[in-house]
PDB file of N, CA and C in Angstrom:
ATOM      1  N   MET A   1      57.496  82.248 -34.919  1.00  0.00           N
ATOM      2  CA  MET A   1      56.772  81.544 -34.759  1.00  0.00           C
ATOM      3  C   MET A   1      55.305  81.983 -34.420  1.00  0.00           C
ATOM      4  N   LYS A   2      54.493  81.845 -35.548  1.00  0.00           N
ATOM      5  CA  LYS A   2      53.593  82.639 -35.367  1.00  0.00           C
ATOM      6  C   LYS A   2      52.416  81.732 -34.852  1.00  0.00           C
ATOM      7  N   GLU A   3      51.379  82.307 -33.246  1.00  0.00           N
ATOM      8  CA  GLU A   3      50.956  81.386 -33.117  1.00  0.00           C
ATOM      9  C   GLU A   3      49.141  82.020 -33.578  1.00  0.00           C
ATOM     10  N   SER A   4      48.422  81.323 -33.842  1.00  0.00           N
ATOM     11  CA  SER A   4      47.222  81.534 -34.154  1.00  0.00           C
ATOM     12  C   SER A   4      46.273  81.265 -33.169  1.00  0.00           C
ATOM     13  N   PHE A   5      45.313  82.019 -32.636  1.00  0.00           N
ATOM     14  CA  PHE A   5      44.197  81.815 -31.887  1.00  0.00           C
ATOM     15  C   PHE A   5      42.945  81.377 -33.039  1.00  0.00           C
ATOM     16  N   ARG A   6      42.171  80.430 -32.568  1.00  0.00           N
ATOM     17  CA  ARG A   6      41.065  80.207 -33.338  1.00  0.00           C
ATOM     18  C   ARG A   6      39.839  80.117 -32.328  1.00  0.00           C
ATOM     19  N   LEU A   7      38.770  80.914 -32.572  1.00  0.00           N
ATOM     20  CA  LEU A   7      37.730  81.024 -32.063  1.00  0.00           C
ATOM     21  C   LEU A   7      36.624  79.994 -32.194  1.00  0.00           C
ATOM     22  N   THR A   8      36.292  78.952 -31.461  1.00  0.00           N
ATOM     23  CA  THR A   8      35.440  78.050 -31.869  1.00  0.00           C
ATOM     24  C   THR A   8      33.988  78.498 -31.617  1.00  0.00           C
ATOM     25  N   GLY A   9      32.916  77.655 -31.926  1.00  0.00           N
ATOM     26  CA  GLY A   9      31.613  77.654 -31.089  1.00  0.00           C
ATOM     27  C   GLY A   9      30.736  78.789 -31.953  1.00  0.00           C
ATOM     28  N   ARG A  10      30.104  79.854 -31.478  1.00  0.00           N
ATOM     29  CA  ARG A  10      29.503  80.924 -31.454  1.00  0.00           C
ATOM     30  C   ARG A  10      30.347  81.955 -31.675  1.00  0.00           C
ATOM     31  N   GLN A  11      30.007  82.672 -32.397  1.00  0.00           N
ATOM     32  CA  GLN A  11      30.703  83.902 -32.601  1.00  0.00           C
ATOM     33  C   GLN A  11      30.402  85.082 -31.658  1.00  0.00           C
ATOM     34  N   PRO A  12      30.910  85.782 -31.074  1.00  0.00           N
ATOM     35  CA  PRO A  12      30.833  86.705 -30.167  1.00  0.00           C
ATOM     36  C   PRO A  12      29.868  88.110 -30.635  1.00  0.00           C
ATOM     37  N   ASN A  13      28.788  88.444 -29.408  1.00  0.00           N
ATOM     38  CA  ASN A  13      27.661  88.990 -30.110  1.00  0.00           C
ATOM     39  C   ASN A  13      27.548  89.993 -29.080  1.00  0.00           C
ATOM     40  N   PHE A  14      27.861  91.338 -29.252  1.00  0.00           N
ATOM     41  CA  PHE A  14      27.675  92.431 -28.259  1.00  0.00           C
ATOM     42  C   PHE A  14      26.576  93.267 -28.048  1.00  0.00           C
ATOM     43  N   ARG A  15      25.262  92.859 -28.735  1.00  0.00           N
ATOM     44  CA  ARG A  15      24.379  92.859 -28.494  1.00  0.00           C
ATOM     45  C   ARG A  15      23.421  92.857 -27.256  1.00  0.00           C
ATOM     46  N   ARG A  16      22.338  93.084 -26.688  1.00  0.00           N
ATOM     47  CA  ARG A  16      21.797  92.681 -25.693  1.00  0.00           C
ATOM     48  C   ARG A  16      20.500  92.089 -26.412  1.00  0.00           C
ATOM     49  N   PRO A  17      20.260  91.151 -25.745  1.00  0.00           N
ATOM     50  CA  PRO A  17      19.203  90.660 -26.532  1.00  0.00           C
ATOM     51  C   PRO A  17      18.158  91.055 -26.075  1.00  0.00           C
ATOM     52  N   ARG A  18      17.127  91.352 -27.284  1.00  0.00           N
ATOM     53  CA  ARG A  18      15.825  91.972 -27.114  1.00  0.00           C
ATOM     54  C   ARG A  18      14.422  90.834 -26.395  1.00  0.00           C
ATOM     55  N   SER A  19      14.268  92.157 -25.107  1.00  0.00           N
ATOM     56  CA  SER A  19      13.216  91.419 -24.579  1.00  0.00           C
ATOM     57  C   SER A  19      12.100  92.189 -24.339  1.00  0.00           C
ATOM     58  N   SER A  20      10.813  92.022 -24.354  1.00  0.00           N
ATOM     59  CA  SER A  20      10.042  93.261 -23.879  1.00  0.00           C
ATOM     60  C   SER A  20       9.701  93.359 -22.005  1.00  0.00           C
ATOM     61  N   ASN A  21       9.789  94.196 -21.351  1.00  0.00           N
ATOM     62  CA  ASN A  21       9.902  94.902 -20.406  1.00  0.00           C
ATOM     63  C   ASN A  21       8.185  95.000 -19.641  1.00  0.00           C
ATOM     64  N   SER A  22       7.542  94.386 -19.465  1.00  0.00           N
ATOM     65  CA  SER A  22       6.434  94.442 -18.835  1.00  0.00           C
ATOM     66  C   SER A  22       6.305  95.785 -18.361  1.00  0.00           C
ATOM     67  N   ILE A  23       7.072  95.907 -17.458  1.00  0.00           N
ATOM     68  CA  ILE A  23       6.735  97.014 -16.107  1.00  0.00           C
ATOM     69  C   ILE A  23       6.441  98.277 -16.992  1.00  0.00           C
ATOM     70  N   ILE A  24       7.674  98.336 -17.937  1.00  0.00           N
ATOM     71  CA  ILE A  24       7.552  99.866 -18.983  1.00  0.00           C
ATOM     72  C   ILE A  24       6.160  99.771 -19.732  1.00  0.00           C
ATOM     73  N   VAL A  25       5.976  98.468 -20.442  1.00  0.00           N
ATOM     74  CA  VAL A  25       4.578  98.416 -20.555  1.00  0.00           C
ATOM     75  C   VAL A  25       3.211  99.037 -20.134  1.00  0.00           C
ATOM     76  N   LEU A  26       3.015  98.316 -18.707  1.00  0.00           N
ATOM     77  CA  LEU A  26       2.249  98.560 -18.278  1.00  0.00           C
ATOM     78  C   LEU A  26       2.060 100.060 -17.658  1.00  0.00           C
ATOM     79  N   VAL A  27       3.101 100.933 -17.297  1.00  0.00           N
ATOM     80  CA  VAL A  27       3.444 101.838 -17.352  1.00  0.00           C
ATOM     81  C   VAL A  27       2.950 102.670 -18.326  1.00  0.00           C
ATOM     82  N   LEU A  28       2.889 102.718 -19.448  1.00  0.00           N
ATOM     83  CA  LEU A  28       2.876 103.335 -20.955  1.00  0.00           C
ATOM     84  C   LEU A  28       1.279 103.381 -20.821  1.00  0.00           C
ATOM     85  N   ILE A  29       0.910 102.013 -20.604  1.00  0.00           N
ATOM     86  CA  ILE A  29      -0.748 102.095 -20.852  1.00  0.00           C
ATOM     87  C   ILE A  29      -1.404 102.798 -19.701  1.00  0.00           C
ATOM     88  N   ILE A  30      -0.593 102.825 -18.741  1.00  0.00           N
ATOM     89  CA  ILE A  30      -1.292 103.573 -17.423  1.00  0.00           C
ATOM     90  C   ILE A  30      -1.306 105.025 -18.125  1.00  0.00           C
ATOM     91  N   LEU A  31      -0.163 105.599 -18.613  1.00  0.00           N
ATOM     92  CA  LEU A  31      -0.012 107.306 -19.053  1.00  0.00           C
ATOM     93  C   LEU A  31      -1.013 107.400 -19.923  1.00  0.00           C
ATOM     94  N   VAL A  32      -1.006 106.402 -20.755  1.00  0.00           N
ATOM     95  CA  VAL A  32      -2.457 106.801 -22.168  1.00  0.00           C
ATOM     96  C   VAL A  32      -3.808 106.731 -21.697  1.00  0.00           C
ATOM     97  N   ALA A  33      -3.948 106.018 -20.465  1.00  0.00           N
ATOM     98  CA  ALA A  33      -5.132 105.775 -19.997  1.00  0.00           C
ATOM     99  C   ALA A  33      -5.503 106.922 -19.090  1.00  0.00           C
ATOM    100  N   GLY A  34      -4.409 107.257 -18.487  1.00  0.00           N
ATOM    101  CA  GLY A  34      -4.729 108.580 -17.769  1.00  0.00           C
ATOM    102  C   GLY A  34      -4.770 110.011 -18.408  1.00  0.00           C
ATOM    103  N   SER A  35      -4.242 110.020 -19.771  1.00  0.00           N
ATOM    104  CA  SER A  35      -3.693 111.226 -20.488  1.00  0.00           C
ATOM    105  C   SER A  35      -5.734 111.703 -21.199  1.00  0.00           C
ATOM    106  N   ILE A  36      -5.907 110.145 -21.317  1.00  0.00           N
ATOM    107  CA  ILE A  36      -7.411 110.192 -21.987  1.00  0.00           C
ATOM    108  C   ILE A  36      -8.338 110.362 -21.541  1.00  0.00           C
ATOM    109  N   PHE A  37      -8.275 110.395 -19.864  1.00  0.00           N
ATOM    110  CA  PHE A  37      -9.199 110.848 -19.128  1.00  0.00           C
ATOM    111  C   PHE A  37      -9.154 112.321 -18.992  1.00  0.00           C
ATOM    112  N   VAL A  38      -7.724 112.695 -18.967  1.00  0.00           N
ATOM    113  CA  VAL A  38      -7.803 114.125 -18.751  1.00  0.00           C
ATOM    114  C   VAL A  38      -7.954 114.800 -19.814  1.00  0.00           C
ATOM    115  N   LEU A  39      -8.097 114.298 -20.846  1.00  0.00           N
ATOM    116  CA  LEU A  39      -8.132 114.893 -22.174  1.00  0.00           C
ATOM    117  C   LEU A  39      -9.885 115.046 -22.287  1.00  0.00           C
ATOM    118  N   ARG A  40     -10.438 114.123 -21.591  1.00  0.00           N
ATOM    119  CA  ARG A  40     -12.070 113.980 -21.543  1.00  0.00           C
ATOM    120  C   ARG A  40     -12.767 114.632 -20.950  1.00  0.00           C
ATOM    121  N   GLY A  41     -11.979 115.236 -19.626  1.00  0.00           N
ATOM    122  CA  GLY A  41     -12.427 116.395 -18.522  1.00  0.00           C
ATOM    123  C   GLY A  41     -11.928 117.386 -19.470  1.00  0.00           C
ATOM    124  N   VAL A  42     -11.095 117.848 -19.741  1.00  0.00           N
ATOM    125  CA  VAL A  42     -10.711 119.033 -20.228  1.00  0.00           C
ATOM    126  C   VAL A  42     -11.440 119.394 -21.606  1.00  0.00           C
ATOM    127  N   LEU A  43     -11.659 118.874 -21.987  1.00  0.00           N
ATOM    128  CA  LEU A  43     -12.622 119.181 -23.655  1.00  0.00           C
ATOM    129  C   LEU A  43     -14.213 118.836 -23.451  1.00  0.00           C
ATOM    130  N   PHE A  44     -14.386 117.328 -23.272  1.00  0.00           N
ATOM    131  CA  PHE A  44     -16.212 117.023 -22.965  1.00  0.00           C
ATOM    132  C   PHE A  44     -16.884 117.679 -21.822  1.00  0.00           C
ATOM    133  N   THR A  45     -16.601 116.986 -21.099  1.00  0.00           N
ATOM    134  CA  THR A  45     -17.347 117.268 -19.368  1.00  0.00           C
ATOM    135  C   THR A  45     -17.008 118.740 -19.080  1.00  0.00           C
ATOM    136  N   ASN A  46     -15.914 119.182 -19.046  1.00  0.00           N
ATOM    137  CA  ASN A  46     -15.079 120.796 -18.348  1.00  0.00           C
ATOM    138  C   ASN A  46     -15.313 120.478 -17.136  1.00  0.00           C
ATOM    139  N   THR A  47     -14.827 119.415 -16.620  1.00  0.00           N
ATOM    140  CA  THR A  47     -15.127 119.365 -15.303  1.00  0.00           C
ATOM    141  C   THR A  47     -13.409 119.208 -15.023  1.00  0.00           C
ATOM    142  N   ILE A  48     -12.568 119.427 -15.839  1.00  0.00           N
ATOM    143  CA  ILE A  48     -11.319 120.000 -15.429  1.00  0.00           C
ATOM    144  C   ILE A  48     -11.375 121.336 -16.152  1.00  0.00           C
ATOM    145  N   ARG A  49     -10.865 122.288 -15.228  1.00  0.00           N
ATOM    146  CA  ARG A  49     -10.723 123.580 -15.764  1.00  0.00           C
ATOM    147  C   ARG A  49      -9.194 124.217 -16.183  1.00  0.00           C
ATOM    148  N   SER A  50      -8.974 124.760 -17.245  1.00  0.00           N
ATOM    149  CA  SER A  50      -7.690 125.277 -17.397  1.00  0.00           C
ATOM    150  C   SER A  50      -7.335 126.101 -16.509  1.00  0.00           C
ATOM    151  N   PRO A  51      -6.102 125.954 -15.766  1.00  0.00           N
ATOM    152  CA  PRO A  51      -5.127 126.902 -14.927  1.00  0.00           C
ATOM    153  C   PRO A  51      -5.198 128.293 -15.260  1.00  0.00           C
ATOM    154  N   PHE A  52      -5.141 128.605 -16.590  1.00  0.00           N
ATOM    155  CA  PHE A  52      -5.130 129.907 -16.755  1.00  0.00           C
ATOM    156  C   PHE A  52      -6.370 130.775 -17.211  1.00  0.00           C
ATOM    157  N   GLU A  53      -7.070 130.246 -17.242  1.00  0.00           N
ATOM    158  CA  GLU A  53      -8.551 130.752 -17.017  1.00  0.00           C
ATOM    159  C   GLU A  53      -8.981 131.646 -15.502  1.00  0.00           C
ATOM    160  N   PRO A  54      -9.167 132.715 -15.610  1.00  0.00           N
ATOM    161  CA  PRO A  54      -9.607 133.449 -14.680  1.00  0.00           C
ATOM    162  C   PRO A  54     -10.942 132.809 -13.603  1.00  0.00           C
ATOM    163  N   THR A  55     -10.778 133.013 -12.468  1.00  0.00           N
ATOM    164  CA  THR A  55     -11.615 132.315 -11.510  1.00  0.00           C
ATOM    165  C   THR A  55     -12.929 133.297 -11.462  1.00  0.00           C
ATOM    166  N   LEU A  56     -13.952 132.282 -10.952  1.00  0.00           N
ATOM    167  CA  LEU A  56     -15.462 133.078 -11.118  1.00  0.00           C
ATOM    168  C   LEU A  56     -15.701 133.548 -10.112  1.00  0.00           C
ATOM    169  N   THR A  57     -15.007 133.076  -8.687  1.00  0.00           N
ATOM    170  CA  THR A  57     -15.629 133.841  -7.577  1.00  0.00           C
ATOM    171  C   THR A  57     -14.008 135.133  -7.138  1.00  0.00           C
ATOM    172  N   PRO A  58     -14.523 135.884  -6.448  1.00  0.00           N
ATOM    173  CA  PRO A  58     -13.574 137.320  -6.215  1.00  0.00           C
ATOM    174  C   PRO A  58     -12.263 136.549  -5.516  1.00  0.00           C
ATOM    175  N   THR A  59     -11.259 136.523  -5.628  1.00  0.00           N
ATOM    176  CA  THR A  59     -10.229 136.427  -5.263  1.00  0.00           C
ATOM    177  C   THR A  59     -10.147 137.002  -3.817  1.00  0.00           C
ATOM    178  N   ARG A  60     -10.809 138.063  -3.027  1.00  0.00           N
ATOM    179  CA  ARG A  60     -10.603 138.679  -2.185  1.00  0.00           C
ATOM    180  C   ARG A  60     -11.278 137.724  -0.704  1.00  0.00           C
ATOM    181  N   SER A  61     -11.075 137.808   0.130  1.00  0.00           N
ATOM    182  CA  SER A  61     -12.014 136.876   1.143  1.00  0.00           C
ATOM    183  C   SER A  61     -12.326 138.055   2.207  1.00  0.00           C
ATOM    184  N   SER A  62     -13.609 137.297   2.731  1.00  0.00           N
ATOM    185  CA  SER A  62     -14.636 138.396   3.256  1.00  0.00           C
ATOM    186  C   SER A  62     -13.238 138.860   4.764  1.00  0.00           C
ATOM    187  N   SER A  63     -12.558 137.957   5.287  1.00  0.00           N
ATOM    188  CA  SER A  63     -12.226 138.335   6.073  1.00  0.00           C
ATOM    189  C   SER A  63     -10.630 139.707   5.752  1.00  0.00           C
ATOM    190  N   SER A  64     -10.103 139.506   4.620  1.00  0.00           N
ATOM    191  CA  SER A  64      -9.741 140.735   4.271  1.00  0.00           C
ATOM    192  C   SER A  64     -10.442 142.185   4.292  1.00  0.00           C
ATOM    193  N   PHE A  65     -11.408 141.971   3.523  1.00  0.00           N
ATOM    194  CA  PHE A  65     -12.652 143.381   3.886  1.00  0.00           C
ATOM    195  C   PHE A  65     -12.568 143.620   4.690  1.00  0.00           C
ATOM    196  N   ALA A  66     -13.326 142.749   5.776  1.00  0.00           N
ATOM    197  CA  ALA A  66     -12.975 142.583   7.434  1.00  0.00           C
ATOM    198  C   ALA A  66     -11.596 143.604   7.843  1.00  0.00           C
ATOM    199  N   LEU A  67     -10.985 143.057   7.546  1.00  0.00           N
ATOM    200  CA  LEU A  67      -9.358 143.775   8.120  1.00  0.00           C
ATOM    201  C   LEU A  67      -9.080 145.342   7.699  1.00  0.00           C
ATOM    202  N   GLU A  68      -9.897 145.193   5.754  1.00  0.00           N
ATOM    203  CA  GLU A  68      -9.558 146.650   5.324  1.00  0.00           C
ATOM    204  C   GLU A  68     -10.540 147.616   6.149  1.00  0.00           C
ATOM    205  N   GLY A  69     -11.691 147.005   6.559  1.00  0.00           N
ATOM    206  CA  GLY A  69     -12.676 147.705   7.336  1.00  0.00           C
ATOM    207  C   GLY A  69     -12.412 148.434   8.733  1.00  0.00           C
ATOM    208  N   GLU A  70     -11.655 147.900   9.440  1.00  0.00           N
ATOM    209  CA  GLU A  70     -11.145 147.737  10.796  1.00  0.00           C
ATOM    210  C   GLU A  70      -9.855 148.743  10.720  1.00  0.00           C
ATOM    211  N   THR A  71      -9.111 148.842   9.583  1.00  0.00           N
ATOM    212  CA  THR A  71      -7.922 149.560   9.513  1.00  0.00           C
ATOM    213  C   THR A  71      -8.707 151.307   8.915  1.00  0.00           C
ATOM    214  N   GLN A  72      -9.454 151.348   8.226  1.00  0.00           N
ATOM    215  CA  GLN A  72     -10.126 152.281   7.794  1.00  0.00           C
ATOM    216  C   GLN A  72     -11.098 152.977   9.228  1.00  0.00           C
ATOM    217  N   PHE A  73     -11.684 152.086   9.698  1.00  0.00           N
ATOM    218  CA  PHE A  73     -12.335 152.575  11.197  1.00  0.00           C
ATOM    219  C   PHE A  73     -11.079 153.440  11.719  1.00  0.00           C
ATOM    220  N   ASP A  74      -9.931 152.537  12.123  1.00  0.00           N
ATOM    221  CA  ASP A  74      -8.676 152.863  13.048  1.00  0.00           C
ATOM    222  C   ASP A  74      -8.306 154.325  12.675  1.00  0.00           C
ATOM    223  N   ALA A  75      -8.505 154.812  10.615  1.00  0.00           N
ATOM    224  CA  ALA A  75      -7.557 155.675  10.299  1.00  0.00           C
ATOM    225  C   ALA A  75      -8.915 156.880  10.513  1.00  0.00           C
ATOM    226  N   GLY A  76     -10.012 156.674  11.085  1.00  0.00           N
ATOM    227  CA  GLY A  76     -10.980 157.509  11.148  1.00  0.00           C
ATOM    228  C   GLY A  76     -11.953 157.763   9.820  1.00  0.00           C
ATOM    229  N   ASN A  77     -11.719 156.745   9.277  1.00  0.00           N
ATOM    230  CA  ASN A  77     -12.325 156.999   7.264  1.00  0.00           C
ATOM    231  C   ASN A  77     -13.600 155.750   7.553  1.00  0.00           C
ATOM    232  N   MET A  78     -14.537 156.713   8.300  1.00  0.00           N
ATOM    233  CA  MET A  78     -16.075 155.824   8.634  1.00  0.00           C
ATOM    234  C   MET A  78     -16.919 155.267   7.372  1.00  0.00           C
ATOM    235  N   ASP A  79     -16.755 156.016   6.389  1.00  0.00           N
ATOM    236  CA  ASP A  79     -17.450 155.605   4.905  1.00  0.00           C
ATOM    237  C   ASP A  79     -16.885 153.970   4.324  1.00  0.00           C
ATOM    238  N   ALA A  80     -15.559 154.612   4.344  1.00  0.00           N
ATOM    239  CA  ALA A  80     -14.706 153.635   3.656  1.00  0.00           C
ATOM    240  C   ALA A  80     -14.612 152.110   4.587  1.00  0.00           C
ATOM    241  N   ALA A  81     -15.104 152.634   5.825  1.00  0.00           N
ATOM    242  CA  ALA A  81     -15.071 151.287   6.952  1.00  0.00           C
ATOM    243  C   ALA A  81     -16.265 150.633   6.474  1.00  0.00           C
ATOM    244  N   ILE A  82     -17.417 151.245   6.017  1.00  0.00           N
ATOM    245  CA  ILE A  82     -18.903 150.831   6.381  1.00  0.00           C
ATOM    246  C   ILE A  82     -19.092 150.147   4.563  1.00  0.00           C
ATOM    247  N   VAL A  83     -18.228 150.380   3.919  1.00  0.00           N
ATOM    248  CA  VAL A  83     -18.240 150.052   2.656  1.00  0.00           C
ATOM    249  C   VAL A  83     -17.534 148.838   2.582  1.00  0.00           C
ATOM    250  N   ALA A  84     -16.199 148.457   3.333  1.00  0.00           N
ATOM    251  CA  ALA A  84     -15.592 147.142   3.592  1.00  0.00           C
ATOM    252  C   ALA A  84     -16.162 146.592   4.413  1.00  0.00           C
ATOM    253  N   TYR A  85     -16.831 146.491   5.178  1.00  0.00           N
ATOM    254  CA  TYR A  85     -17.847 145.579   6.117  1.00  0.00           C
ATOM    255  C   TYR A  85     -19.112 144.971   5.264  1.00  0.00           C
ATOM    256  N   LYS A  86     -19.635 146.048   4.361  1.00  0.00           N
ATOM    257  CA  LYS A  86     -20.628 145.410   3.652  1.00  0.00           C
ATOM    258  C   LYS A  86     -20.143 144.481   2.338  1.00  0.00           C
ATOM    259  N   ARG A  87     -19.321 144.824   1.991  1.00  0.00           N
ATOM    260  CA  ARG A  87     -18.718 144.026   1.150  1.00  0.00           C
ATOM    261  C   ARG A  87     -18.043 142.306   1.670  1.00  0.00           C
ATOM    262  N   ALA A  88     -17.472 142.919   2.937  1.00  0.00           N
ATOM    263  CA  ALA A  88     -16.761 141.193   3.794  1.00  0.00           C
ATOM    264  C   ALA A  88     -18.582 140.950   4.067  1.00  0.00           C
ATOM    265  N   THR A  89     -19.678 141.337   4.229  1.00  0.00           N
ATOM    266  CA  THR A  89     -20.815 140.704   4.433  1.00  0.00           C
ATOM    267  C   THR A  89     -21.676 140.092   3.031  1.00  0.00           C
ATOM    268  N   THR A  90     -21.238 140.744   2.502  1.00  0.00           N
ATOM    269  CA  THR A  90     -21.827 140.289   1.136  1.00  0.00           C
ATOM    270  C   THR A  90     -21.286 138.865   0.641  1.00  0.00           C
ATOM    271  N   ASP A  91     -19.983 139.082   0.987  1.00  0.00           N
ATOM    272  CA  ASP A  91     -19.142 137.591   0.874  1.00  0.00           C
ATOM    273  C   ASP A  91     -19.460 136.276   1.348  1.00  0.00           C
ATOM    274  N   ASP A  92     -19.135 136.959   3.025  1.00  0.00           N
ATOM    275  CA  ASP A  92     -19.976 135.620   3.698  1.00  0.00           C
ATOM    276  C   ASP A  92     -21.107 136.074   4.801  1.00  0.00           C
ATOM    277  N   PRO A  93     -22.045 135.958   3.831  1.00  0.00           N
ATOM    278  CA  PRO A  93     -23.413 136.696   5.131  1.00  0.00           C
ATOM    279  C   PRO A  93     -23.741 135.618   6.046  1.00  0.00           C
ATOM    280  N   ARG A  94     -22.898 134.696   6.304  1.00  0.00           N
ATOM    281  CA  ARG A  94     -23.382 133.687   7.582  1.00  0.00           C
ATOM    282  C   ARG A  94     -22.838 134.323   8.919  1.00  0.00           C
ATOM    283  N   ASN A  95     -21.901 134.708   8.484  1.00  0.00           N
ATOM    284  CA  ASN A  95     -20.963 135.522  10.017  1.00  0.00           C
ATOM    285  C   ASN A  95     -21.600 136.748  10.727  1.00  0.00           C
ATOM    286  N   ALA A  96     -21.629 136.237  11.772  1.00  0.00           N
ATOM    287  CA  ALA A  96     -22.423 137.157  12.593  1.00  0.00           C
ATOM    288  C   ALA A  96     -21.599 138.345  13.189  1.00  0.00           C
ATOM    289  N   GLN A  97     -20.028 138.080  12.956  1.00  0.00           N
ATOM    290  CA  GLN A  97     -19.307 138.991  13.800  1.00  0.00           C
ATOM    291  C   GLN A  97     -19.096 140.042  12.743  1.00  0.00           C
ATOM    292  N   LEU A  98     -19.024 139.765  11.692  1.00  0.00           N
ATOM    293  CA  LEU A  98     -19.057 141.118  10.435  1.00  0.00           C
ATOM    294  C   LEU A  98     -20.343 141.877  10.324  1.00  0.00           C
ATOM    295  N   TYR A  99     -21.489 141.315  10.729  1.00  0.00           N
ATOM    296  CA  TYR A  99     -22.833 142.249  10.934  1.00  0.00           C
ATOM    297  C   TYR A  99     -22.576 142.901  12.379  1.00  0.00           C
ATOM    298  N   ALA A 100     -22.029 142.468  13.351  1.00  0.00           N
ATOM    299  CA  ALA A 100     -21.961 143.461  14.406  1.00  0.00           C
ATOM    300  C   ALA A 100     -20.811 144.143  14.331  1.00  0.00           C
ATOM    301  N   GLU A 101     -19.848 144.012  13.533  1.00  0.00           N
ATOM    302  CA  GLU A 101     -18.973 144.717  13.631  1.00  0.00           C
ATOM    303  C   GLU A 101     -19.405 146.032  12.482  1.00  0.00           C
ATOM    304  N   LEU A 102     -20.182 146.052  11.522  1.00  0.00           N
ATOM    305  CA  LEU A 102     -21.044 146.757  10.707  1.00  0.00           C
ATOM    306  C   LEU A 102     -22.045 147.946  11.420  1.00  0.00           C
ATOM    307  N   ALA A 103     -22.445 146.851  12.443  1.00  0.00           N
ATOM    308  CA  ALA A 103     -23.428 147.659  13.276  1.00  0.00           C
ATOM    309  C   ALA A 103     -22.811 148.652  13.870  1.00  0.00           C
ATOM    310  N   ARG A 104     -21.732 148.319  14.440  1.00  0.00           N
ATOM    311  CA  ARG A 104     -21.074 148.860  15.536  1.00  0.00           C
ATOM    312  C   ARG A 104     -20.410 150.202  14.944  1.00  0.00           C
ATOM    313  N   ILE A 105     -19.811 150.042  13.822  1.00  0.00           N
ATOM    314  CA  ILE A 105     -19.576 151.223  12.906  1.00  0.00           C
ATOM    315  C   ILE A 105     -20.514 151.982  12.505  1.00  0.00           C
ATOM    316  N   GLN A 106     -21.300 151.883  12.462  1.00  0.00           N
ATOM    317  CA  GLN A 106     -22.942 152.485  11.820  1.00  0.00           C
ATOM    318  C   GLN A 106     -23.113 153.531  12.800  1.00  0.00           C
ATOM    319  N   ALA A 107     -23.359 153.034  13.979  1.00  0.00           N
ATOM    320  CA  ALA A 107     -23.808 153.594  15.425  1.00  0.00           C
ATOM    321  C   ALA A 107     -22.514 154.100  15.360  1.00  0.00           C
ATOM    322  N   TYR A 108     -21.426 154.135  15.805  1.00  0.00           N
ATOM    323  CA  TYR A 108     -20.427 154.974  15.803  1.00  0.00           C
ATOM    324  C   TYR A 108     -20.300 156.446  14.872  1.00  0.00           C
ATOM    325  N   SER A 109     -20.370 155.739  13.318  1.00  0.00           N
ATOM    326  CA  SER A 109     -20.576 157.242  12.376  1.00  0.00           C
ATOM    327  C   SER A 109     -21.641 157.793  12.622  1.00  0.00           C
ATOM    328  N   SER A 110     -23.226 157.259  13.116  1.00  0.00           N
ATOM    329  CA  SER A 110     -24.192 158.073  13.302  1.00  0.00           C
ATOM    330  C   SER A 110     -24.110 159.024  14.573  1.00  0.00           C
ATOM    331  N   THR A 111     -23.420 158.380  15.491  1.00  0.00           N
ATOM    332  CA  THR A 111     -23.599 159.484  16.334  1.00  0.00           C
ATOM    333  C   THR A 111     -22.125 160.678  16.112  1.00  0.00           C
ATOM    334  N   SER A 112     -21.335 160.441  15.230  1.00  0.00           N
ATOM    335  CA  SER A 112     -20.151 161.502  15.296  1.00  0.00           C
ATOM    336  C   SER A 112     -20.831 162.130  13.922  1.00  0.00           C
ATOM    337  N   LEU A 113     -21.554 162.283  13.547  1.00  0.00           N
ATOM    338  CA  LEU A 113     -22.637 163.158  12.389  1.00  0.00           C
ATOM    339  C   LEU A 113     -23.334 164.495  13.135  1.00  0.00           C
ATOM    340  N   ALA A 114     -23.368 165.424  12.647  1.00  0.00           N
ATOM    341  CA  ALA A 114     -23.509 166.579  13.119  1.00  0.00           C
ATOM    342  C   ALA A 114     -24.942 166.750  12.298  1.00  0.00           C
ATOM    343  N   THR A 115     -25.962 167.137  13.919  1.00  0.00           N
ATOM    344  CA  THR A 115     -27.358 167.452  13.596  1.00  0.00           C
ATOM    345  C   THR A 115     -27.510 169.037  13.362  1.00  0.00           C
ATOM    346  N   ASP A 116     -28.883 169.019  13.054  1.00  0.00           N
ATOM    347  CA  ASP A 116     -29.528 170.177  12.869  1.00  0.00           C
ATOM    348  C   ASP A 116     -29.640 171.191  14.199  1.00  0.00           C
ATOM    349  N   ASP A 117     -30.188 170.538  15.098  1.00  0.00           N
ATOM    350  CA  ASP A 117     -30.880 170.562  16.443  1.00  0.00           C
ATOM    351  C   ASP A 117     -29.567 171.563  17.189  1.00  0.00           C
TER     352      ASP A 117
END
């Protein structure tokens, strides 16, 4: 005895029904708009710089030059200390502490020089 099963009604469909997902569409629109603004900023207005371009300002800070000057002073190299402090004052001309240290080292350097008398 052979039993046969009959399927009646709709045929089985194993695919998901297609529906537009509004969240995905919104995210894609935002990404496209953002990329247009970035492209405009990089190519046309030049407000966004490439991270691979060299910097226009020196990478050493004035405190780095001041630290070098103090180290040179401690080592007894007065000329190198004066040069380092002068570079620090050109990078940060509003820092009075750097000028005071430069003056201190220059005064100390001038007293340690031999005179003809």
